[in-house]
Amino acid sequence: MKHFVVKTLINAAAIWVAAWIVNGITLSGGDWKQKTLTVIAVALIFGVVNWLIKPLVKFFSFPLFILSLGLITFVINALMLWLTSFASDRLKLDFHVEGFVPALLGSLIISVVAWGLHLAVGDED
């Protein structure tokens, strides 16, 4: 359970950084408490999308992994962030990704920030 909470908080921080840096990713809302709750909810949705849908997409796109030498991973990560934005819009959360390019840049930033935070915090279970 501790691992799940730490991973969710790290993803929330990474999503917040991506929304802060990338122009096409918006995290709007009221005060900082509401934004914090929103970004934690978005991180939970992001985790569910990556847990349920990403393995299926990777399985069915395996030939593209071979042809692109793994570079298709960047596109898949961007699509997962875009799907998170779609789900967040449906759940009336104030998080939106405006297109594929912001999703691609945001997914790269989220990956780097989450990787760095995982190194800093550690991953004991």
Protein backbone atom coordinates (compact mmCIF):
# COMPACT_ATOMS: atom_id res chain seq x y z
CA MET A 1 0.00 0.00 0.00
CA LYS A 2 2.86 2.37 0.82
CA HIS A 3 4.37 1.72 -2.62
CA PHE A 4 1.05 2.62 -4.30
CA VAL A 5 0.70 5.87 -2.35
CA VAL A 6 4.31 6.92 -3.00
CA LYS A 7 4.02 6.11 -6.70
CA THR A 8 0.75 8.07 -6.98
CA LEU A 9 2.24 11.11 -5.24
CA ILE A 10 5.32 10.96 -7.46
CA ASN A 11 3.11 10.80 -10.57
CA ALA A 12 1.06 13.71 -9.22
CA ALA A 13 4.19 15.80 -8.78
CA ALA A 14 5.40 14.86 -12.27
CA ILE A 15 2.02 15.76 -13.81
CA TRP A 16 2.08 19.09 -11.96
CA VAL A 17 5.55 19.86 -13.35
CA ALA A 18 4.42 18.94 -16.88
CA ALA A 19 1.38 21.20 -16.56
CA TRP A 20 3.63 23.99 -15.34
CA ILE A 21 6.17 23.66 -18.19
CA VAL A 22 4.13 22.65 -21.27
CA ASN A 23 1.80 25.28 -22.71
CA GLY A 24 -0.79 22.83 -24.05
CA ILE A 25 -1.36 21.11 -20.70
CA THR A 26 -3.67 22.97 -18.35
CA LEU A 27 -4.35 22.28 -14.70
CA SER A 28 -6.89 24.89 -13.75
CA GLY A 29 -9.15 25.26 -10.79
CA GLY A 30 -9.44 27.30 -7.67
CA ASP A 31 -6.91 27.56 -4.90
CA TRP A 32 -3.87 25.35 -4.36
CA LYS A 33 -5.84 22.84 -2.25
CA GLN A 34 -8.30 22.20 -5.06
CA LYS A 35 -5.47 21.93 -7.59
CA THR A 36 -3.69 19.47 -5.30
CA LEU A 37 -6.76 17.26 -5.04
CA THR A 38 -7.27 17.53 -8.80
CA VAL A 39 -3.70 16.54 -9.63
CA ILE A 40 -3.88 13.57 -7.22
CA ALA A 41 -7.12 12.42 -8.88
CA VAL A 42 -5.49 12.83 -12.31
CA ALA A 43 -2.47 10.81 -11.09
CA LEU A 44 -4.84 8.03 -10.01
CA ILE A 45 -6.51 8.06 -13.43
CA PHE A 46 -3.08 8.09 -15.09
CA GLY A 47 -2.06 5.07 -13.00
CA VAL A 48 -5.20 3.16 -13.92
CA VAL A 49 -4.79 3.97 -17.62
CA ASN A 50 -1.15 2.83 -17.53
CA TRP A 51 -2.07 -0.31 -15.59
CA LEU A 52 -5.05 -1.40 -17.71
CA ILE A 53 -4.68 -0.03 -21.22
CA LYS A 54 -0.97 0.47 -21.80
CA PRO A 55 -0.07 -3.28 -21.68
CA LEU A 56 -2.75 -4.04 -24.27
CA VAL A 57 -1.54 -1.28 -26.57
CA LYS A 58 2.06 -2.45 -26.19
CA PHE A 59 1.07 -6.04 -26.95
CA PHE A 60 -0.82 -5.18 -30.11
CA SER A 61 1.85 -2.76 -31.31
CA PHE A 62 4.74 -5.17 -30.78
CA PRO A 63 5.70 -5.20 -34.49
CA LEU A 64 6.00 -1.39 -34.35
CA PHE A 65 8.34 -1.75 -31.36
CA ILE A 66 10.62 -3.90 -33.48
CA LEU A 67 10.42 -1.67 -36.56
CA SER A 68 11.01 1.56 -34.64
CA LEU A 69 13.60 0.09 -32.24
CA GLY A 70 11.39 1.04 -29.31
CA LEU A 71 10.77 4.67 -30.27
CA ILE A 72 7.04 3.95 -30.51
CA THR A 73 7.12 3.99 -26.69
CA PHE A 74 7.16 7.79 -26.79
CA VAL A 75 4.00 7.82 -28.91
CA ILE A 76 2.26 5.28 -26.66
CA ASN A 77 3.12 7.31 -23.54
CA ALA A 78 1.73 10.44 -25.20
CA LEU A 79 -1.47 8.60 -26.10
CA MET A 80 -1.83 7.39 -22.50
CA LEU A 81 -1.53 10.98 -21.25
CA TRP A 82 -4.04 12.13 -23.86
CA LEU A 83 -6.41 9.35 -22.77
CA THR A 84 -5.96 10.49 -19.16
CA SER A 85 -6.97 13.99 -20.25
CA PHE A 86 -10.07 12.59 -21.96
CA ALA A 87 -11.05 10.62 -18.85
CA SER A 88 -10.39 13.64 -16.64
CA ASP A 89 -12.66 15.77 -18.83
CA ARG A 90 -15.40 13.14 -18.52
CA LEU A 91 -15.01 13.16 -14.72
CA LYS A 92 -15.18 16.99 -14.67
CA LEU A 93 -11.60 17.41 -13.45
CA ASP A 94 -9.75 20.59 -14.41
CA PHE A 95 -6.98 18.87 -16.40
CA HIS A 96 -6.69 19.06 -20.16
CA VAL A 97 -4.13 18.23 -22.83
CA GLU A 98 -4.80 20.21 -25.99
CA GLY A 99 -3.19 18.01 -28.63
CA PHE A 100 -0.66 15.37 -29.51
CA VAL A 101 2.47 17.55 -29.35
CA PRO A 102 1.74 18.79 -25.81
CA ALA A 103 0.92 15.19 -24.86
CA LEU A 104 4.26 14.04 -26.25
CA LEU A 105 6.22 16.77 -24.47
CA GLY A 106 4.23 16.23 -21.28
CA SER A 107 4.80 12.49 -21.30
CA LEU A 108 8.54 13.04 -21.73
CA ILE A 109 8.60 15.48 -18.80
CA ILE A 110 6.47 13.18 -16.64
CA SER A 111 8.80 10.27 -17.37
CA VAL A 112 11.95 12.23 -16.50
CA VAL A 113 10.52 13.84 -13.35
CA ALA A 114 8.99 10.57 -12.10
CA TRP A 115 12.26 8.75 -12.75
CA GLY A 116 14.21 11.37 -10.81
CA LEU A 117 11.78 11.34 -7.91
CA HIS A 118 11.83 7.54 -7.78
CA LEU A 119 15.62 7.71 -7.53
CA ALA A 120 15.42 10.30 -4.76
CA VAL A 121 12.66 8.65 -2.73
CA GLY A 122 13.57 5.02 -3.29
CA ASP A 123 11.32 2.11 -4.15
CA GLU A 124 11.28 -0.14 -1.11
CA ASP A 125 8.17 -2.24 -0.81
